Structures are given as structure tokens and as C-alpha cells.
Amino acid sequence: MPGPTMRPATFDPFGERLDLRAGQDAPSASRRRPIRTRRIVAAVLFWALAAGLITARGAFFDPSTAFGPDAPARVAAKDATVLR
């Protein structure tokens, strides 16, 4: 019964020994899962931030600042002038 064959050691350009066992080159399912999880978390954080900004905009909207401080009075006036 022959023993395991020995491969010559391979080193990277900085002198570190490389482990060239089979299966290391292909990405495993466990490595893909954290990337997918990070993307999902990033998407959830993005939409939570977007919803928070829209909610804050709606809650603290001041119509008097939309077209100037006297806009509500001009709109309510009977002889309102048209803004061009």
C-alpha cells in the first residue's frame, strides 16, 4: 500500500508557504453566504434610512418655506399673483 505522495512546497513572492490542497481554489458555500448576508443587511439599512428621511420630511414639513415665508398668505388671498 503506497503512502501519500509529497508535493514540493510552493512559496509566494514574499516567502510565505502556500497550501495547495484540493478545494481551496473554488469558493465554498460558506464563503458566499456572508457576502449575500452583507448585501441583504446593506439593502435593509438603505431602505430604512430612505423611509426615515421620507417620514421626517413629512412630519417636519413647513409649507411656509416651500415658496417663501409669505406663500400661504398669497395663496389664501383672493387676488393671488401667479408665480412665473
PDB file of N, CA and C in Angstrom:
ATOM      1  N   MET A   1       0.851  -1.157   0.000  1.00  0.00           N
ATOM      2  CA  MET A   1       0.000   0.000   0.000  1.00  0.00           C
ATOM      3  C   MET A   1       0.904   1.229   0.000  1.00  0.00           C
ATOM      4  N   PRO A   2       0.830   2.034  -1.079  1.00  0.00           N
ATOM      5  CA  PRO A   2       1.694   3.209  -1.159  1.00  0.00           C
ATOM      6  C   PRO A   2       1.186   4.315  -0.245  1.00  0.00           C
ATOM      7  N   GLY A   3       2.087   5.090   0.284  1.00  0.00           N
ATOM      8  CA  GLY A   3       1.749   6.206   1.170  1.00  0.00           C
ATOM      9  C   GLY A   3       1.355   7.442   0.367  1.00  0.00           C
ATOM     10  N   PRO A   4       0.936   8.484   1.048  1.00  0.00           N
ATOM     11  CA  PRO A   4       0.548   9.708   0.345  1.00  0.00           C
ATOM     12  C   PRO A   4       1.754  10.313  -0.350  1.00  0.00           C
ATOM     13  N   THR A   5       1.503  10.851  -1.517  1.00  0.00           N
ATOM     14  CA  THR A   5       2.599  11.447  -2.271  1.00  0.00           C
ATOM     15  C   THR A   5       2.873  12.844  -1.737  1.00  0.00           C
ATOM     16  N   MET A   6       4.104  13.200  -1.713  1.00  0.00           N
ATOM     17  CA  MET A   6       4.507  14.522  -1.237  1.00  0.00           C
ATOM     18  C   MET A   6       4.673  15.451  -2.424  1.00  0.00           C
ATOM     19  N   ARG A   7       4.118  16.625  -2.317  1.00  0.00           N
ATOM     20  CA  ARG A   7       4.302  17.633  -3.344  1.00  0.00           C
ATOM     21  C   ARG A   7       5.404  18.572  -2.890  1.00  0.00           C
ATOM     22  N   PRO A   8       6.101  19.161  -3.835  1.00  0.00           N
ATOM     23  CA  PRO A   8       7.114  20.136  -3.433  1.00  0.00           C
ATOM     24  C   PRO A   8       6.427  21.385  -2.868  1.00  0.00           C
ATOM     25  N   ALA A   9       7.053  21.982  -1.896  1.00  0.00           N
ATOM     26  CA  ALA A   9       6.497  23.176  -1.271  1.00  0.00           C
ATOM     27  C   ALA A   9       6.494  24.325  -2.267  1.00  0.00           C
ATOM     28  N   THR A  10       5.413  25.113  -2.231  1.00  0.00           N
ATOM     29  CA  THR A  10       5.290  26.272  -3.106  1.00  0.00           C
ATOM     30  C   THR A  10       5.225  27.508  -2.228  1.00  0.00           C
ATOM     31  N   PHE A  11       5.954  28.539  -2.639  1.00  0.00           N
ATOM     32  CA  PHE A  11       6.024  29.762  -1.860  1.00  0.00           C
ATOM     33  C   PHE A  11       5.531  30.945  -2.688  1.00  0.00           C
ATOM     34  N   ASP A  12       4.946  31.909  -2.018  1.00  0.00           N
ATOM     35  CA  ASP A  12       4.535  33.125  -2.718  1.00  0.00           C
ATOM     36  C   ASP A  12       5.741  34.052  -2.855  1.00  0.00           C
ATOM     37  N   PRO A  13       5.611  35.185  -3.561  1.00  0.00           N
ATOM     38  CA  PRO A  13       6.763  36.064  -3.774  1.00  0.00           C
ATOM     39  C   PRO A  13       7.398  36.614  -2.499  1.00  0.00           C
ATOM     40  N   PHE A  14       6.664  36.591  -1.379  1.00  0.00           N
ATOM     41  CA  PHE A  14       7.201  37.125  -0.126  1.00  0.00           C
ATOM     42  C   PHE A  14       7.790  36.044   0.770  1.00  0.00           C
ATOM     43  N   GLY A  15       7.819  34.811   0.272  1.00  0.00           N
ATOM     44  CA  GLY A  15       8.434  33.735   1.025  1.00  0.00           C
ATOM     45  C   GLY A  15       7.492  32.959   1.922  1.00  0.00           C
ATOM     46  N   GLU A  16       6.184  33.276   1.873  1.00  0.00           N
ATOM     47  CA  GLU A  16       5.208  32.524   2.677  1.00  0.00           C
ATOM     48  C   GLU A  16       4.860  31.233   1.954  1.00  0.00           C
ATOM     49  N   ARG A  17       4.726  30.167   2.711  1.00  0.00           N
ATOM     50  CA  ARG A  17       4.403  28.873   2.121  1.00  0.00           C
ATOM     51  C   ARG A  17       2.923  28.842   1.733  1.00  0.00           C
ATOM     52  N   LEU A  18       2.625  28.382   0.535  1.00  0.00           N
ATOM     53  CA  LEU A  18       1.256  28.266   0.054  1.00  0.00           C
ATOM     54  C   LEU A  18       0.744  26.860   0.273  1.00  0.00           C
ATOM     55  N   ASP A  19      -0.474  26.738   0.748  1.00  0.00           N
ATOM     56  CA  ASP A  19      -1.106  25.441   0.935  1.00  0.00           C
ATOM     57  C   ASP A  19      -1.963  25.176  -0.296  1.00  0.00           C
ATOM     58  N   LEU A  20      -1.551  24.246  -1.120  1.00  0.00           N
ATOM     59  CA  LEU A  20      -2.232  23.986  -2.382  1.00  0.00           C
ATOM     60  C   LEU A  20      -3.091  22.730  -2.324  1.00  0.00           C
ATOM     61  N   ARG A  21      -3.772  22.539  -1.248  1.00  0.00           N
ATOM     62  CA  ARG A  21      -4.657  21.380  -1.148  1.00  0.00           C
ATOM     63  C   ARG A  21      -5.844  21.551  -2.080  1.00  0.00           C
ATOM     64  N   ALA A  22      -6.388  20.462  -2.544  1.00  0.00           N
ATOM     65  CA  ALA A  22      -7.524  20.495  -3.471  1.00  0.00           C
ATOM     66  C   ALA A  22      -8.735  21.120  -2.776  1.00  0.00           C
ATOM     67  N   GLY A  23      -9.478  21.927  -3.539  1.00  0.00           N
ATOM     68  CA  GLY A  23     -10.693  22.526  -2.995  1.00  0.00           C
ATOM     69  C   GLY A  23     -10.513  23.922  -2.458  1.00  0.00           C
ATOM     70  N   GLN A  24      -9.311  24.404  -2.329  1.00  0.00           N
ATOM     71  CA  GLN A  24      -9.124  25.752  -1.791  1.00  0.00           C
ATOM     72  C   GLN A  24      -9.347  26.818  -2.845  1.00  0.00           C
ATOM     73  N   ASP A  25      -9.149  26.479  -4.114  1.00  0.00           N
ATOM     74  CA  ASP A  25      -9.278  27.470  -5.160  1.00  0.00           C
ATOM     75  C   ASP A  25     -10.736  27.848  -5.416  1.00  0.00           C
ATOM     76  N   ALA A  26     -11.641  26.881  -5.299  1.00  0.00           N
ATOM     77  CA  ALA A  26     -13.050  27.156  -5.549  1.00  0.00           C
ATOM     78  C   ALA A  26     -13.685  27.770  -4.302  1.00  0.00           C
ATOM     79  N   PRO A  27     -14.506  28.820  -4.485  1.00  0.00           N
ATOM     80  CA  PRO A  27     -15.168  29.408  -3.315  1.00  0.00           C
ATOM     81  C   PRO A  27     -16.215  28.444  -2.763  1.00  0.00           C
ATOM     82  N   SER A  28     -16.215  28.307  -1.482  1.00  0.00           N
ATOM     83  CA  SER A  28     -17.159  27.391  -0.854  1.00  0.00           C
ATOM     84  C   SER A  28     -18.473  28.113  -0.551  1.00  0.00           C
ATOM     85  N   ALA A  29     -19.481  27.341  -0.253  1.00  0.00           N
ATOM     86  CA  ALA A  29     -20.791  27.919   0.046  1.00  0.00           C
ATOM     87  C   ALA A  29     -20.735  28.768   1.316  1.00  0.00           C
ATOM     88  N   SER A  30     -19.884  28.389   2.257  1.00  0.00           N
ATOM     89  CA  SER A  30     -19.789  29.161   3.495  1.00  0.00           C
ATOM     90  C   SER A  30     -19.151  30.523   3.259  1.00  0.00           C
ATOM     91  N   ARG A  31     -18.331  30.670   2.208  1.00  0.00           N
ATOM     92  CA  ARG A  31     -17.748  31.973   1.909  1.00  0.00           C
ATOM     93  C   ARG A  31     -18.747  32.852   1.173  1.00  0.00           C
ATOM     94  N   ARG A  32     -19.638  32.272   0.387  1.00  0.00           N
ATOM     95  CA  ARG A  32     -20.623  33.052  -0.349  1.00  0.00           C
ATOM     96  C   ARG A  32     -21.726  33.565   0.553  1.00  0.00           C
ATOM     97  N   ARG A  33     -22.046  32.844   1.592  1.00  0.00           N
ATOM     98  CA  ARG A  33     -23.155  33.229   2.456  1.00  0.00           C
ATOM     99  C   ARG A  33     -22.935  34.573   3.153  1.00  0.00           C
ATOM    100  N   PRO A  34     -21.778  34.865   3.721  1.00  0.00           N
ATOM    101  CA  PRO A  34     -21.612  36.167   4.368  1.00  0.00           C
ATOM    102  C   PRO A  34     -21.721  37.339   3.395  1.00  0.00           C
ATOM    103  N   ILE A  35     -21.273  37.170   2.157  1.00  0.00           N
ATOM    104  CA  ILE A  35     -21.392  38.256   1.184  1.00  0.00           C
ATOM    105  C   ILE A  35     -22.860  38.517   0.882  1.00  0.00           C
ATOM    106  N   ARG A  36     -23.625  37.469   0.709  1.00  0.00           N
ATOM    107  CA  ARG A  36     -25.058  37.625   0.455  1.00  0.00           C
ATOM    108  C   ARG A  36     -25.742  38.250   1.666  1.00  0.00           C
ATOM    109  N   THR A  37     -25.356  37.826   2.843  1.00  0.00           N
ATOM    110  CA  THR A  37     -25.945  38.380   4.063  1.00  0.00           C
ATOM    111  C   THR A  37     -25.612  39.862   4.184  1.00  0.00           C
ATOM    112  N   ARG A  38     -24.378  40.242   3.858  1.00  0.00           N
ATOM    113  CA  ARG A  38     -23.997  41.661   3.923  1.00  0.00           C
ATOM    114  C   ARG A  38     -24.793  42.489   2.932  1.00  0.00           C
ATOM    115  N   ARG A  39     -25.039  41.941   1.758  1.00  0.00           N
ATOM    116  CA  ARG A  39     -25.838  42.675   0.772  1.00  0.00           C
ATOM    117  C   ARG A  39     -27.261  42.861   1.246  1.00  0.00           C
ATOM    118  N   ILE A  40     -27.826  41.846   1.857  1.00  0.00           N
ATOM    119  CA  ILE A  40     -29.187  41.951   2.381  1.00  0.00           C
ATOM    120  C   ILE A  40     -29.235  42.979   3.500  1.00  0.00           C
ATOM    121  N   VAL A  41     -28.271  42.942   4.404  1.00  0.00           N
ATOM    122  CA  VAL A  41     -28.221  43.906   5.509  1.00  0.00           C
ATOM    123  C   VAL A  41     -28.048  45.319   4.964  1.00  0.00           C
ATOM    124  N   ALA A  42     -27.202  45.485   3.959  1.00  0.00           N
ATOM    125  CA  ALA A  42     -26.984  46.807   3.368  1.00  0.00           C
ATOM    126  C   ALA A  42     -28.264  47.324   2.718  1.00  0.00           C
ATOM    127  N   ALA A  43     -28.994  46.460   2.027  1.00  0.00           N
ATOM    128  CA  ALA A  43     -30.247  46.875   1.396  1.00  0.00           C
ATOM    129  C   ALA A  43     -31.287  47.269   2.445  1.00  0.00           C
ATOM    130  N   VAL A  44     -31.369  46.497   3.514  1.00  0.00           N
ATOM    131  CA  VAL A  44     -32.322  46.820   4.588  1.00  0.00           C
ATOM    132  C   VAL A  44     -31.957  48.148   5.239  1.00  0.00           C
ATOM    133  N   LEU A  45     -30.686  48.372   5.501  1.00  0.00           N
ATOM    134  CA  LEU A  45     -30.262  49.647   6.088  1.00  0.00           C
ATOM    135  C   LEU A  45     -30.547  50.812   5.148  1.00  0.00           C
ATOM    136  N   PHE A  46     -30.308  50.628   3.857  1.00  0.00           N
ATOM    137  CA  PHE A  46     -30.582  51.688   2.886  1.00  0.00           C
ATOM    138  C   PHE A  46     -32.057  52.065   2.891  1.00  0.00           C
ATOM    139  N   TRP A  47     -32.933  51.062   2.798  1.00  0.00           N
ATOM    140  CA  TRP A  47     -34.366  51.364   2.745  1.00  0.00           C
ATOM    141  C   TRP A  47     -34.884  51.893   4.077  1.00  0.00           C
ATOM    142  N   ALA A  48     -34.301  51.474   5.177  1.00  0.00           N
ATOM    143  CA  ALA A  48     -34.687  52.026   6.477  1.00  0.00           C
ATOM    144  C   ALA A  48     -34.305  53.501   6.557  1.00  0.00           C
ATOM    145  N   LEU A  49     -33.121  53.838   6.064  1.00  0.00           N
ATOM    146  CA  LEU A  49     -32.698  55.239   6.031  1.00  0.00           C
ATOM    147  C   LEU A  49     -33.592  56.055   5.110  1.00  0.00           C
ATOM    148  N   ALA A  50     -33.907  55.519   3.936  1.00  0.00           N
ATOM    149  CA  ALA A  50     -34.780  56.227   2.994  1.00  0.00           C
ATOM    150  C   ALA A  50     -36.164  56.450   3.604  1.00  0.00           C
ATOM    151  N   ALA A  51     -36.719  55.436   4.242  1.00  0.00           N
ATOM    152  CA  ALA A  51     -38.035  55.579   4.874  1.00  0.00           C
ATOM    153  C   ALA A  51     -37.979  56.590   6.014  1.00  0.00           C
ATOM    154  N   GLY A  52     -36.894  56.578   6.776  1.00  0.00           N
ATOM    155  CA  GLY A  52     -36.751  57.551   7.862  1.00  0.00           C
ATOM    156  C   GLY A  52     -36.676  58.974   7.353  1.00  0.00           C
ATOM    157  N   LEU A  53     -35.945  59.183   6.264  1.00  0.00           N
ATOM    158  CA  LEU A  53     -35.860  60.535   5.698  1.00  0.00           C
ATOM    159  C   LEU A  53     -37.198  61.007   5.155  1.00  0.00           C
ATOM    160  N   ILE A  54     -37.920  60.122   4.478  1.00  0.00           N
ATOM    161  CA  ILE A  54     -39.227  60.494   3.944  1.00  0.00           C
ATOM    162  C   ILE A  54     -40.204  60.769   5.085  1.00  0.00           C
ATOM    163  N   THR A  55     -40.162  59.969   6.119  1.00  0.00           N
ATOM    164  CA  THR A  55     -41.045  60.183   7.273  1.00  0.00           C
ATOM    165  C   THR A  55     -40.710  61.500   7.969  1.00  0.00           C
ATOM    166  N   ALA A  56     -39.437  61.772   8.156  1.00  0.00           N
ATOM    167  CA  ALA A  56     -39.038  63.037   8.793  1.00  0.00           C
ATOM    168  C   ALA A  56     -39.439  64.219   7.931  1.00  0.00           C
ATOM    169  N   ARG A  57     -39.297  64.082   6.621  1.00  0.00           N
ATOM    170  CA  ARG A  57     -39.692  65.165   5.718  1.00  0.00           C
ATOM    171  C   ARG A  57     -41.189  65.429   5.837  1.00  0.00           C
ATOM    172  N   GLY A  58     -41.975  64.378   5.916  1.00  0.00           N
ATOM    173  CA  GLY A  58     -43.423  64.547   6.055  1.00  0.00           C
ATOM    174  C   GLY A  58     -43.816  65.086   7.412  1.00  0.00           C
ATOM    175  N   ALA A  59     -43.134  64.670   8.467  1.00  0.00           N
ATOM    176  CA  ALA A  59     -43.507  65.081   9.821  1.00  0.00           C
ATOM    177  C   ALA A  59     -43.113  66.526  10.107  1.00  0.00           C
ATOM    178  N   PHE A  60     -41.991  66.953   9.561  1.00  0.00           N
ATOM    179  CA  PHE A  60     -41.499  68.287   9.883  1.00  0.00           C
ATOM    180  C   PHE A  60     -41.609  69.256   8.712  1.00  0.00           C
ATOM    181  N   PHE A  61     -42.458  68.941   7.720  1.00  0.00           N
ATOM    182  CA  PHE A  61     -42.611  69.809   6.560  1.00  0.00           C
ATOM    183  C   PHE A  61     -43.281  71.112   6.972  1.00  0.00           C
ATOM    184  N   ASP A  62     -42.691  72.202   6.566  1.00  0.00           N
ATOM    185  CA  ASP A  62     -43.247  73.528   6.850  1.00  0.00           C
ATOM    186  C   ASP A  62     -43.626  74.155   5.512  1.00  0.00           C
ATOM    187  N   PRO A  63     -44.915  74.261   5.219  1.00  0.00           N
ATOM    188  CA  PRO A  63     -45.313  74.785   3.925  1.00  0.00           C
ATOM    189  C   PRO A  63     -44.876  76.232   3.695  1.00  0.00           C
ATOM    190  N   SER A  64     -44.632  76.970   4.739  1.00  0.00           N
ATOM    191  CA  SER A  64     -44.244  78.366   4.559  1.00  0.00           C
ATOM    192  C   SER A  64     -42.842  78.488   3.956  1.00  0.00           C
ATOM    193  N   THR A  65     -42.044  77.432   4.059  1.00  0.00           N
ATOM    194  CA  THR A  65     -40.703  77.504   3.485  1.00  0.00           C
ATOM    195  C   THR A  65     -40.657  76.983   2.060  1.00  0.00           C
ATOM    196  N   ALA A  66     -41.778  76.437   1.557  1.00  0.00           N
ATOM    197  CA  ALA A  66     -41.771  75.850   0.227  1.00  0.00           C
ATOM    198  C   ALA A  66     -41.608  76.915  -0.863  1.00  0.00           C
ATOM    199  N   PHE A  67     -42.346  78.011  -0.752  1.00  0.00           N
ATOM    200  CA  PHE A  67     -42.292  79.066  -1.769  1.00  0.00           C
ATOM    201  C   PHE A  67     -42.028  80.421  -1.156  1.00  0.00           C
ATOM    202  N   GLY A  68     -41.433  80.452  -0.017  1.00  0.00           N
ATOM    203  CA  GLY A  68     -41.145  81.704   0.668  1.00  0.00           C
ATOM    204  C   GLY A  68     -42.030  81.842   1.895  1.00  0.00           C
ATOM    205  N   PRO A  69     -41.668  82.721   2.812  1.00  0.00           N
ATOM    206  CA  PRO A  69     -42.416  82.835   4.064  1.00  0.00           C
ATOM    207  C   PRO A  69     -43.836  83.365   3.895  1.00  0.00           C
ATOM    208  N   ASP A  70     -44.126  84.089   2.824  1.00  0.00           N
ATOM    209  CA  ASP A  70     -45.473  84.636   2.661  1.00  0.00           C
ATOM    210  C   ASP A  70     -46.318  83.841   1.670  1.00  0.00           C
ATOM    211  N   ALA A  71     -45.895  82.657   1.261  1.00  0.00           N
ATOM    212  CA  ALA A  71     -46.626  81.859   0.286  1.00  0.00           C
ATOM    213  C   ALA A  71     -48.019  81.472   0.749  1.00  0.00           C
ATOM    214  N   PRO A  72     -48.229  81.010   1.984  1.00  0.00           N
ATOM    215  CA  PRO A  72     -49.595  80.661   2.392  1.00  0.00           C
ATOM    216  C   PRO A  72     -50.536  81.865   2.342  1.00  0.00           C
ATOM    217  N   ALA A  73     -50.026  83.038   2.681  1.00  0.00           N
ATOM    218  CA  ALA A  73     -50.875  84.232   2.634  1.00  0.00           C
ATOM    219  C   ALA A  73     -51.214  84.590   1.190  1.00  0.00           C
ATOM    220  N   ARG A  74     -50.269  84.455   0.283  1.00  0.00           N
ATOM    221  CA  ARG A  74     -50.537  84.759  -1.121  1.00  0.00           C
ATOM    222  C   ARG A  74     -51.525  83.768  -1.725  1.00  0.00           C
ATOM    223  N   VAL A  75     -51.422  82.513  -1.342  1.00  0.00           N
ATOM    224  CA  VAL A  75     -52.352  81.515  -1.867  1.00  0.00           C
ATOM    225  C   VAL A  75     -53.748  81.757  -1.320  1.00  0.00           C
ATOM    226  N   ALA A  76     -53.839  82.154  -0.068  1.00  0.00           N
ATOM    227  CA  ALA A  76     -55.136  82.381   0.554  1.00  0.00           C
ATOM    228  C   ALA A  76     -55.784  83.687   0.088  1.00  0.00           C
ATOM    229  N   ALA A  77     -54.992  84.600  -0.418  1.00  0.00           N
ATOM    230  CA  ALA A  77     -55.531  85.895  -0.845  1.00  0.00           C
ATOM    231  C   ALA A  77     -56.376  85.704  -2.118  1.00  0.00           C
ATOM    232  N   LYS A  78     -57.403  86.546  -2.246  1.00  0.00           N
ATOM    233  CA  LYS A  78     -58.284  86.442  -3.401  1.00  0.00           C
ATOM    234  C   LYS A  78     -57.572  86.894  -4.671  1.00  0.00           C
ATOM    235  N   ASP A  79     -56.739  87.880  -4.579  1.00  0.00           N
ATOM    236  CA  ASP A  79     -56.033  88.378  -5.752  1.00  0.00           C
ATOM    237  C   ASP A  79     -54.586  87.849  -5.777  1.00  0.00           C
ATOM    238  N   ALA A  80     -54.474  86.553  -5.670  1.00  0.00           N
ATOM    239  CA  ALA A  80     -53.142  85.943  -5.661  1.00  0.00           C
ATOM    240  C   ALA A  80     -52.483  86.103  -7.022  1.00  0.00           C
ATOM    241  N   THR A  81     -51.229  86.459  -7.005  1.00  0.00           N
ATOM    242  CA  THR A  81     -50.493  86.596  -8.272  1.00  0.00           C
ATOM    243  C   THR A  81     -49.873  85.264  -8.644  1.00  0.00           C
ATOM    244  N   VAL A  82     -49.727  85.061  -9.932  1.00  0.00           N
ATOM    245  CA  VAL A  82     -49.156  83.815 -10.425  1.00  0.00           C
ATOM    246  C   VAL A  82     -47.637  83.941 -10.416  1.00  0.00           C
ATOM    247  N   LEU A  83     -46.998  82.959  -9.842  1.00  0.00           N
ATOM    248  CA  LEU A  83     -45.532  82.962  -9.799  1.00  0.00           C
ATOM    249  C   LEU A  83     -44.989  82.404 -11.117  1.00  0.00           C
ATOM    250  N   ARG A  84     -44.103  83.131 -11.760  1.00  0.00           N
ATOM    251  CA  ARG A  84     -43.505  82.644 -13.001  1.00  0.00           C
ATOM    252  C   ARG A  84     -42.022  82.721 -12.908  1.00  0.00           C
TER     253      ARG A  84
END
